[in-house]
Amino acid sequence: MDNLLAVAGPPIQRVEDRYGGPAELGPSDDFEWGMLNGKLSALRWVLGAEWDFLDT
């Protein structure tokens, strides 16, 4: 775990410094989560998965 943090820590800090803290980096409400899941489902369908698989 310490090795992972040594490697991933600086890039994580750069992203947080540039775009804000963890609260600013992801979907913040149910609508944004729904949009994200819909886009991932459409992408999986385009790549050949079944549309009704519902495991995004």
C-alpha atoms as a PDB file:
ATOM      1  CA  MET A   1       0.000   0.000   0.000  1.00  0.00           C
ATOM      2  CA  ASP A   2       2.823   2.406   0.792  1.00  0.00           C
ATOM      3  CA  ASN A   3       4.370   1.731  -2.606  1.00  0.00           C
ATOM      4  CA  LEU A   4       1.044   2.510  -4.287  1.00  0.00           C
ATOM      5  CA  LEU A   5       0.727   5.816  -2.459  1.00  0.00           C
ATOM      6  CA  ALA A   6       4.332   6.693  -3.277  1.00  0.00           C
ATOM      7  CA  VAL A   7       3.621   6.212  -6.987  1.00  0.00           C
ATOM      8  CA  ALA A   8       0.039   7.505  -7.192  1.00  0.00           C
ATOM      9  CA  GLY A   9       0.223  10.263  -4.577  1.00  0.00           C
ATOM     10  CA  PRO A  10       1.805  13.066  -6.628  1.00  0.00           C
ATOM     11  CA  PRO A  11      -0.529  12.650  -9.650  1.00  0.00           C
ATOM     12  CA  ILE A  12      -3.542  12.536  -7.330  1.00  0.00           C
ATOM     13  CA  GLN A  13      -2.405  15.755  -5.691  1.00  0.00           C
ATOM     14  CA  ARG A  14      -1.901  17.463  -9.089  1.00  0.00           C
ATOM     15  CA  VAL A  15      -5.451  16.559 -10.169  1.00  0.00           C
ATOM     16  CA  GLU A  16      -6.924  17.756  -6.877  1.00  0.00           C
ATOM     17  CA  ASP A  17      -4.942  21.003  -7.070  1.00  0.00           C
ATOM     18  CA  ARG A  18      -6.066  21.639 -10.641  1.00  0.00           C
ATOM     19  CA  TYR A  19      -9.739  20.633 -10.438  1.00  0.00           C
ATOM     20  CA  GLY A  20     -10.561  20.879  -6.738  1.00  0.00           C
ATOM     21  CA  GLY A  21     -10.852  18.376  -3.939  1.00  0.00           C
ATOM     22  CA  PRO A  22     -12.588  15.008  -4.043  1.00  0.00           C
ATOM     23  CA  ALA A  23     -16.010  16.634  -3.595  1.00  0.00           C
ATOM     24  CA  GLU A  24     -15.553  18.518  -6.895  1.00  0.00           C
ATOM     25  CA  LEU A  25     -14.291  15.627  -9.017  1.00  0.00           C
ATOM     26  CA  GLY A  26     -17.266  13.345  -9.447  1.00  0.00           C
ATOM     27  CA  PRO A  27     -21.003  13.140  -9.905  1.00  0.00           C
ATOM     28  CA  SER A  28     -22.592  15.100  -7.105  1.00  0.00           C
ATOM     29  CA  ASP A  29     -26.280  14.220  -7.419  1.00  0.00           C
ATOM     30  CA  ASP A  30     -28.581  11.489  -8.693  1.00  0.00           C
ATOM     31  CA  PHE A  31     -29.061  13.165 -12.084  1.00  0.00           C
ATOM     32  CA  GLU A  32     -25.315  13.252 -12.778  1.00  0.00           C
ATOM     33  CA  TRP A  33     -24.953   9.602 -11.671  1.00  0.00           C
ATOM     34  CA  GLY A  34     -27.799   8.690 -14.047  1.00  0.00           C
ATOM     35  CA  MET A  35     -26.165  10.528 -16.937  1.00  0.00           C
ATOM     36  CA  LEU A  36     -22.837   8.829 -16.253  1.00  0.00           C
ATOM     37  CA  ASN A  37     -24.424   5.368 -16.060  1.00  0.00           C
ATOM     38  CA  GLY A  38     -26.411   5.999 -19.247  1.00  0.00           C
ATOM     39  CA  LYS A  39     -23.293   7.008 -21.143  1.00  0.00           C
ATOM     40  CA  LEU A  40     -21.390   3.979 -19.866  1.00  0.00           C
ATOM     41  CA  SER A  41     -24.272   1.689 -20.880  1.00  0.00           C
ATOM     42  CA  ALA A  42     -24.356   3.190 -24.369  1.00  0.00           C
ATOM     43  CA  LEU A  43     -20.588   2.810 -24.701  1.00  0.00           C
ATOM     44  CA  ARG A  44     -20.754  -0.839 -23.604  1.00  0.00           C
ATOM     45  CA  TRP A  45     -23.555  -1.443 -26.148  1.00  0.00           C
ATOM     46  CA  VAL A  46     -21.493   0.117 -28.953  1.00  0.00           C
ATOM     47  CA  LEU A  47     -18.588  -2.144 -27.985  1.00  0.00           C
ATOM     48  CA  GLY A  48     -20.779  -5.245 -28.310  1.00  0.00           C
ATOM     49  CA  ALA A  49     -22.368  -5.923 -24.925  1.00  0.00           C
ATOM     50  CA  GLU A  50     -26.051  -6.741 -24.604  1.00  0.00           C
ATOM     51  CA  TRP A  51     -28.179  -3.643 -24.007  1.00  0.00           C
ATOM     52  CA  ASP A  52     -30.179  -5.106 -21.107  1.00  0.00           C
ATOM     53  CA  PHE A  53     -27.172  -6.421 -19.192  1.00  0.00           C
ATOM     54  CA  LEU A  54     -27.450  -3.563 -16.616  1.00  0.00           C
ATOM     55  CA  ASP A  55     -24.062  -4.182 -15.023  1.00  0.00           C
ATOM     56  CA  THR A  56     -22.394  -0.836 -15.669  1.00  0.00           C
END
